[in-house]
C-alpha atoms as a PDB file:
ATOM      1  CA  MET A   1     -23.031 -28.067  10.252  1.00  0.00           C
ATOM      2  CA  THR A   2     -19.166 -27.416  10.999  1.00  0.00           C
ATOM      3  CA  ALA A   3     -16.191 -26.591   8.412  1.00  0.00           C
ATOM      4  CA  VAL A   4     -15.200 -30.124   6.305  1.00  0.00           C
ATOM      5  CA  ILE A   5     -11.919 -30.397   5.863  1.00  0.00           C
ATOM      6  CA  LEU A   6     -10.575 -32.363   3.088  1.00  0.00           C
ATOM      7  CA  ASN A   7      -7.045 -34.083   3.754  1.00  0.00           C
ATOM      8  CA  LEU A   8      -5.154 -32.388  -0.144  1.00  0.00           C
ATOM      9  CA  ASN A   9      -1.542 -33.696   1.426  1.00  0.00           C
ATOM     10  CA  THR A  10      -1.071 -35.995  -1.936  1.00  0.00           C
ATOM     11  CA  VAL A  11      -3.183 -33.200  -4.298  1.00  0.00           C
ATOM     12  CA  GLU A  12      -0.113 -30.700  -4.941  1.00  0.00           C
ATOM     13  CA  LEU A  13      -2.162 -27.778  -5.222  1.00  0.00           C
ATOM     14  CA  THR A  14       0.119 -24.434  -6.077  1.00  0.00           C
ATOM     15  CA  ASP A  15      -1.696 -20.832  -4.670  1.00  0.00           C
ATOM     16  CA  GLU A  16      -3.468 -20.247  -7.719  1.00  0.00           C
ATOM     17  CA  GLN A  17      -4.795 -23.447  -8.386  1.00  0.00           C
ATOM     18  CA  PHE A  18      -6.692 -22.580  -5.465  1.00  0.00           C
ATOM     19  CA  TYR A  19      -6.759 -19.153  -6.431  1.00  0.00           C
ATOM     20  CA  ARG A  20      -8.781 -19.934  -9.794  1.00  0.00           C
ATOM     21  CA  LEU A  21     -10.592 -23.006  -7.240  1.00  0.00           C
ATOM     22  CA  CYS A  22     -11.503 -20.444  -4.842  1.00  0.00           C
ATOM     23  CA  GLN A  23     -12.954 -18.324  -7.553  1.00  0.00           C
ATOM     24  CA  VAL A  24     -14.996 -20.891  -9.372  1.00  0.00           C
ATOM     25  CA  ASN A  25     -16.663 -21.587  -6.584  1.00  0.00           C
ATOM     26  CA  ARG A  26     -17.462 -18.513  -4.856  1.00  0.00           C
ATOM     27  CA  ASP A  27     -20.532 -19.404  -2.682  1.00  0.00           C
ATOM     28  CA  TRP A  28     -17.724 -21.445  -0.993  1.00  0.00           C
ATOM     29  CA  GLN A  29     -15.762 -19.717   1.906  1.00  0.00           C
ATOM     30  CA  LEU A  30     -12.777 -21.870   1.953  1.00  0.00           C
ATOM     31  CA  GLU A  31      -9.682 -21.836   3.119  1.00  0.00           C
ATOM     32  CA  ARG A  32      -6.513 -24.059   3.249  1.00  0.00           C
ATOM     33  CA  THR A  33      -3.892 -24.999   6.105  1.00  0.00           C
ATOM     34  CA  ALA A  34      -0.206 -25.017   6.462  1.00  0.00           C
ATOM     35  CA  LYS A  35      -1.248 -28.900   6.968  1.00  0.00           C
ATOM     36  CA  GLY A  36      -2.465 -28.786   3.235  1.00  0.00           C
ATOM     37  CA  GLU A  37      -5.947 -29.487   3.936  1.00  0.00           C
ATOM     38  CA  LEU A  38      -8.874 -27.554   2.388  1.00  0.00           C
ATOM     39  CA  ILE A  39     -12.151 -26.608   4.537  1.00  0.00           C
ATOM     40  CA  ILE A  40     -14.745 -25.871   3.060  1.00  0.00           C
ATOM     41  CA  MET A  41     -16.743 -23.017   6.163  1.00  0.00           C
ATOM     42  CA  PRO A  42     -20.541 -22.550   6.144  1.00  0.00           C
ATOM     43  CA  PRO A  43     -21.833 -19.575   6.384  1.00  0.00           C
ATOM     44  CA  VAL A  44     -22.552 -17.753   9.988  1.00  0.00           C
ATOM     45  CA  GLY A  45     -25.572 -17.059  11.186  1.00  0.00           C
ATOM     46  CA  GLY A  46     -27.790 -13.883  12.398  1.00  0.00           C
ATOM     47  CA  ILE A  47     -25.384 -13.003  15.946  1.00  0.00           C
ATOM     48  CA  SER A  48     -22.083 -14.224  14.523  1.00  0.00           C
ATOM     49  CA  GLY A  49     -22.785 -12.101  11.757  1.00  0.00           C
ATOM     50  CA  ASN A  50     -23.569  -9.320  14.210  1.00  0.00           C
ATOM     51  CA  ARG A  51     -20.995  -9.278  15.603  1.00  0.00           C
ATOM     52  CA  GLU A  52     -17.996  -9.360  13.347  1.00  0.00           C
ATOM     53  CA  ALA A  53     -19.164  -6.567  12.090  1.00  0.00           C
ATOM     54  CA  ASP A  54     -19.490  -4.886  14.817  1.00  0.00           C
ATOM     55  CA  PHE A  55     -15.910  -5.478  15.207  1.00  0.00           C
ATOM     56  CA  ILE A  56     -14.950  -4.615  11.687  1.00  0.00           C
ATOM     57  CA  ILE A  57     -17.130  -0.715  11.820  1.00  0.00           C
ATOM     58  CA  ASP A  58     -15.027   0.099  15.960  1.00  0.00           C
ATOM     59  CA  LEU A  59     -11.467  -1.288  13.862  1.00  0.00           C
ATOM     60  CA  GLY A  60     -12.365   1.054  10.699  1.00  0.00           C
ATOM     61  CA  VAL A  61     -13.789   3.968  12.925  1.00  0.00           C
ATOM     62  CA  TRP A  62      -9.401   3.539  14.989  1.00  0.00           C
ATOM     63  CA  ASN A  63      -8.043   3.150  11.606  1.00  0.00           C
ATOM     64  CA  ARG A  64      -9.895   6.250   9.402  1.00  0.00           C
ATOM     65  CA  GLN A  65      -8.848   7.850  12.580  1.00  0.00           C
ATOM     66  CA  THR A  66      -5.065   7.368  13.019  1.00  0.00           C
ATOM     67  CA  GLY A  67      -4.774   6.384   8.965  1.00  0.00           C
ATOM     68  CA  LEU A  68      -1.603   3.948   9.718  1.00  0.00           C
ATOM     69  CA  GLY A  69      -3.021   0.965   8.469  1.00  0.00           C
ATOM     70  CA  LYS A  70      -5.732  -1.109   5.644  1.00  0.00           C
ATOM     71  CA  VAL A  71      -8.828  -2.867   7.739  1.00  0.00           C
ATOM     72  CA  PHE A  72      -9.788  -6.192   5.695  1.00  0.00           C
ATOM     73  CA  SER A  73     -13.938  -8.227   6.355  1.00  0.00           C
ATOM     74  CA  SER A  74     -13.919 -12.152   6.262  1.00  0.00           C
ATOM     75  CA  SER A  75     -13.885 -11.780   2.833  1.00  0.00           C
ATOM     76  CA  THR A  76     -10.149 -11.862   2.619  1.00  0.00           C
ATOM     77  CA  ILE A  77      -8.126 -14.701   2.344  1.00  0.00           C
ATOM     78  CA  PHE A  78      -4.246 -14.040   2.933  1.00  0.00           C
ATOM     79  CA  ARG A  79      -1.489 -16.298   2.057  1.00  0.00           C
ATOM     80  CA  LEU A  80      -0.038 -16.716   4.758  1.00  0.00           C
ATOM     81  CA  PRO A  81       4.252 -17.349   4.603  1.00  0.00           C
ATOM     82  CA  LYS A  82       4.620 -20.038   6.876  1.00  0.00           C
ATOM     83  CA  GLY A  83       2.461 -21.888   4.931  1.00  0.00           C
ATOM     84  CA  GLY A  84      -1.991 -21.759   4.514  1.00  0.00           C
ATOM     85  CA  ASP A  85      -4.993 -19.694   3.063  1.00  0.00           C
ATOM     86  CA  ARG A  86      -6.918 -18.160   5.962  1.00  0.00           C
ATOM     87  CA  SER A  87      -9.460 -15.933   6.442  1.00  0.00           C
ATOM     88  CA  PRO A  88      -9.770 -13.465   9.379  1.00  0.00           C
ATOM     89  CA  ASP A  89     -12.567 -11.864  11.382  1.00  0.00           C
ATOM     90  CA  VAL A  90     -11.208  -9.610  10.615  1.00  0.00           C
ATOM     91  CA  ALA A  91      -8.061  -7.654  10.699  1.00  0.00           C
ATOM     92  CA  TRP A  92      -5.331  -4.879   9.839  1.00  0.00           C
ATOM     93  CA  ILE A  93      -2.104  -4.685   7.941  1.00  0.00           C
ATOM     94  CA  ARG A  94       0.444  -1.618   8.866  1.00  0.00           C
ATOM     95  CA  LEU A  95      -0.088   0.424   6.357  1.00  0.00           C
ATOM     96  CA  GLU A  96       3.566   0.713   4.881  1.00  0.00           C
ATOM     97  CA  ARG A  97       3.353  -2.978   4.511  1.00  0.00           C
ATOM     98  CA  TRP A  98       0.898  -3.441   2.751  1.00  0.00           C
ATOM     99  CA  GLU A  99       1.855  -0.961   0.477  1.00  0.00           C
ATOM    100  CA  THR A 100       4.741  -3.558  -0.651  1.00  0.00           C
ATOM    101  CA  LEU A 101       2.292  -5.300  -2.737  1.00  0.00           C
ATOM    102  CA  CYS A 102       2.063  -4.449  -6.019  1.00  0.00           C
ATOM    103  CA  GLU A 103      -0.863  -4.612  -7.525  1.00  0.00           C
ATOM    104  CA  GLU A 104      -1.713  -7.439  -8.599  1.00  0.00           C
ATOM    105  CA  GLU A 105      -0.284  -8.891  -5.044  1.00  0.00           C
ATOM    106  CA  GLN A 106      -3.352  -7.136  -3.578  1.00  0.00           C
ATOM    107  CA  GLU A 107      -6.506  -7.526  -5.848  1.00  0.00           C
ATOM    108  CA  LYS A 108      -5.720 -11.596  -5.280  1.00  0.00           C
ATOM    109  CA  PHE A 109      -5.555 -12.827  -1.807  1.00  0.00           C
ATOM    110  CA  PRO A 110      -2.569 -11.402  -0.693  1.00  0.00           C
ATOM    111  CA  PRO A 111       0.754 -12.722   0.571  1.00  0.00           C
ATOM    112  CA  ILE A 112       1.050 -10.892   3.662  1.00  0.00           C
ATOM    113  CA  CYS A 113       0.447 -12.432   7.479  1.00  0.00           C
ATOM    114  CA  PRO A 114      -2.200 -10.042   8.618  1.00  0.00           C
ATOM    115  CA  ASP A 115      -0.172  -7.342  11.268  1.00  0.00           C
ATOM    116  CA  PHE A 116      -3.650  -8.215  13.196  1.00  0.00           C
ATOM    117  CA  VAL A 117      -6.814 -10.542  13.239  1.00  0.00           C
ATOM    118  CA  ILE A 118      -9.636 -11.120  15.551  1.00  0.00           C
ATOM    119  CA  GLU A 119     -11.404 -15.239  14.970  1.00  0.00           C
ATOM    120  CA  LEU A 120     -14.593 -14.523  15.932  1.00  0.00           C
ATOM    121  CA  ARG A 121     -16.049 -18.637  17.535  1.00  0.00           C
ATOM    122  CA  SER A 122     -19.161 -19.146  16.250  1.00  0.00           C
ATOM    123  CA  ARG A 123     -21.357 -22.235  17.685  1.00  0.00           C
ATOM    124  CA  SER A 124     -19.798 -24.402  14.298  1.00  0.00           C
ATOM    125  CA  ASP A 125     -16.515 -23.477  14.877  1.00  0.00           C
ATOM    126  CA  LYS A 126     -14.111 -25.938  17.101  1.00  0.00           C
ATOM    127  CA  LEU A 127     -11.691 -24.246  19.538  1.00  0.00           C
ATOM    128  CA  ASP A 128      -8.765 -26.245  19.309  1.00  0.00           C
ATOM    129  CA  SER A 129      -8.593 -25.636  14.974  1.00  0.00           C
ATOM    130  CA  LEU A 130      -8.972 -22.215  15.643  1.00  0.00           C
ATOM    131  CA  ARG A 131      -5.929 -21.792  17.584  1.00  0.00           C
ATOM    132  CA  GLU A 132      -4.691 -24.021  15.226  1.00  0.00           C
ATOM    133  CA  LYS A 133      -5.677 -20.823  12.914  1.00  0.00           C
ATOM    134  CA  MET A 134      -4.375 -19.375  14.932  1.00  0.00           C
ATOM    135  CA  GLN A 135      -1.170 -20.304  15.787  1.00  0.00           C
ATOM    136  CA  GLU A 136      -0.134 -20.244  12.290  1.00  0.00           C
ATOM    137  CA  TYR A 137      -0.604 -16.737  11.542  1.00  0.00           C
ATOM    138  CA  LEU A 138       2.273 -16.086  15.101  1.00  0.00           C
ATOM    139  CA  ASN A 139       4.230 -18.593  13.125  1.00  0.00           C
ATOM    140  CA  SER A 140       4.084 -15.945   9.631  1.00  0.00           C
ATOM    141  CA  GLY A 141       5.129 -13.126  11.638  1.00  0.00           C
ATOM    142  CA  LEU A 142       1.627 -11.994  13.387  1.00  0.00           C
ATOM    143  CA  GLY A 143       2.017  -9.732  15.918  1.00  0.00           C
ATOM    144  CA  LEU A 144      -1.659  -9.575  18.028  1.00  0.00           C
ATOM    145  CA  GLY A 145      -4.283 -11.852  17.891  1.00  0.00           C
ATOM    146  CA  TRP A 146      -7.773 -11.960  20.012  1.00  0.00           C
ATOM    147  CA  LEU A 147      -9.710 -15.165  19.970  1.00  0.00           C
ATOM    148  CA  VAL A 148     -13.355 -14.463  21.088  1.00  0.00           C
ATOM    149  CA  ASN A 149     -15.086 -17.300  22.307  1.00  0.00           C
ATOM    150  CA  PRO A 150     -18.660 -15.811  22.692  1.00  0.00           C
ATOM    151  CA  GLN A 151     -19.740 -19.668  24.272  1.00  0.00           C
ATOM    152  CA  ASP A 152     -16.928 -19.980  27.558  1.00  0.00           C
ATOM    153  CA  GLN A 153     -17.257 -16.155  27.896  1.00  0.00           C
ATOM    154  CA  GLN A 154     -13.009 -15.076  27.045  1.00  0.00           C
ATOM    155  CA  VAL A 155     -10.445 -14.003  24.832  1.00  0.00           C
ATOM    156  CA  GLU A 156      -7.183 -15.999  24.369  1.00  0.00           C
ATOM    157  CA  ILE A 157      -4.222 -13.387  23.112  1.00  0.00           C
ATOM    158  CA  TYR A 158      -2.322 -13.987  21.118  1.00  0.00           C
ATOM    159  CA  ARG A 159       1.364 -11.918  20.974  1.00  0.00           C
ATOM    160  CA  LEU A 160       4.032 -12.714  18.345  1.00  0.00           C
ATOM    161  CA  ASN A 161       7.241 -14.666  20.504  1.00  0.00           C
ATOM    162  CA  GLN A 162       4.550 -14.192  24.190  1.00  0.00           C
ATOM    163  CA  LEU A 163       2.728 -16.948  25.904  1.00  0.00           C
ATOM    164  CA  GLY A 164      -0.917 -16.337  24.923  1.00  0.00           C
ATOM    165  CA  GLU A 165      -3.360 -14.775  27.671  1.00  0.00           C
ATOM    166  CA  LYS A 166      -6.596 -15.802  28.757  1.00  0.00           C
ATOM    167  CA  VAL A 167      -9.424 -12.725  29.379  1.00  0.00           C
ATOM    168  CA  ASN A 168     -12.852 -13.275  31.034  1.00  0.00           C
ATOM    169  CA  LEU A 169     -15.939 -11.004  29.169  1.00  0.00           C
ATOM    170  CA  PRO A 170     -17.075  -8.681  29.405  1.00  0.00           C
ATOM    171  CA  ALA A 171     -13.844  -6.893  28.969  1.00  0.00           C
ATOM    172  CA  THR A 172     -11.900  -4.254  27.755  1.00  0.00           C
ATOM    173  CA  LEU A 173      -9.359  -5.244  25.044  1.00  0.00           C
ATOM    174  CA  GLU A 174      -6.177  -2.951  23.954  1.00  0.00           C
ATOM    175  CA  GLY A 175      -3.987  -2.428  20.677  1.00  0.00           C
ATOM    176  CA  GLU A 176      -0.870  -2.583  22.808  1.00  0.00           C
ATOM    177  CA  THR A 177       1.893  -1.424  20.282  1.00  0.00           C
ATOM    178  CA  VAL A 178       0.492  -3.052  17.663  1.00  0.00           C
ATOM    179  CA  LEU A 179      -2.766  -0.573  17.349  1.00  0.00           C
ATOM    180  CA  PRO A 180      -1.923   2.175  19.767  1.00  0.00           C
ATOM    181  CA  GLY A 181      -4.669   4.200  21.064  1.00  0.00           C
ATOM    182  CA  PHE A 182      -7.055   1.021  19.877  1.00  0.00           C
ATOM    183  CA  LYS A 183      -8.936  -0.525  22.895  1.00  0.00           C
ATOM    184  CA  LEU A 184     -11.985  -2.859  21.412  1.00  0.00           C
ATOM    185  CA  PHE A 185     -15.045  -3.012  24.462  1.00  0.00           C
ATOM    186  CA  LEU A 186     -16.256  -6.631  24.412  1.00  0.00           C
ATOM    187  CA  ASP A 187     -19.548  -6.410  27.242  1.00  0.00           C
ATOM    188  CA  ARG A 188     -22.419  -6.782  24.261  1.00  0.00           C
ATOM    189  CA  PHE A 189     -21.655 -10.610  25.680  1.00  0.00           C
END
């Protein structure tokens, strides 16, 4: 099953209406692109779900040790400042940026771009769509992003104001200045 994309260019859907649409359709994973398309995402299978969980565990352990930020799962939708309502597979926000949001902003879809994201390509994901999604994060201020592509045995690394980089799997990725001291070992593919 692949994602279903609905063109909503001529339909004015406010942030509040999109939030309510997601709340009354909790069984569906919904996203909205910066171009105004509504994406209905299929659920992931066991292999992708397990890999995603491993990434969250690794980042979460590092974050508990450092206390530098907040870790989020793929169930979290972020209202990106430059457009789009997106759910990365794994996300992290520096604590001082998270704490600038009021309680209501933290409770709903936070109006902030994560400092770090991981997108994991599953078999049903189109690579071009994931690359567009990574570009939306960069346009909104993402510091570091990893697009893990097991099908092509590669990781695409995205950095703010820099050209992308491709690394072959297996690999060890470092969090650089965004996640100081964090390492992700991608040897299980």
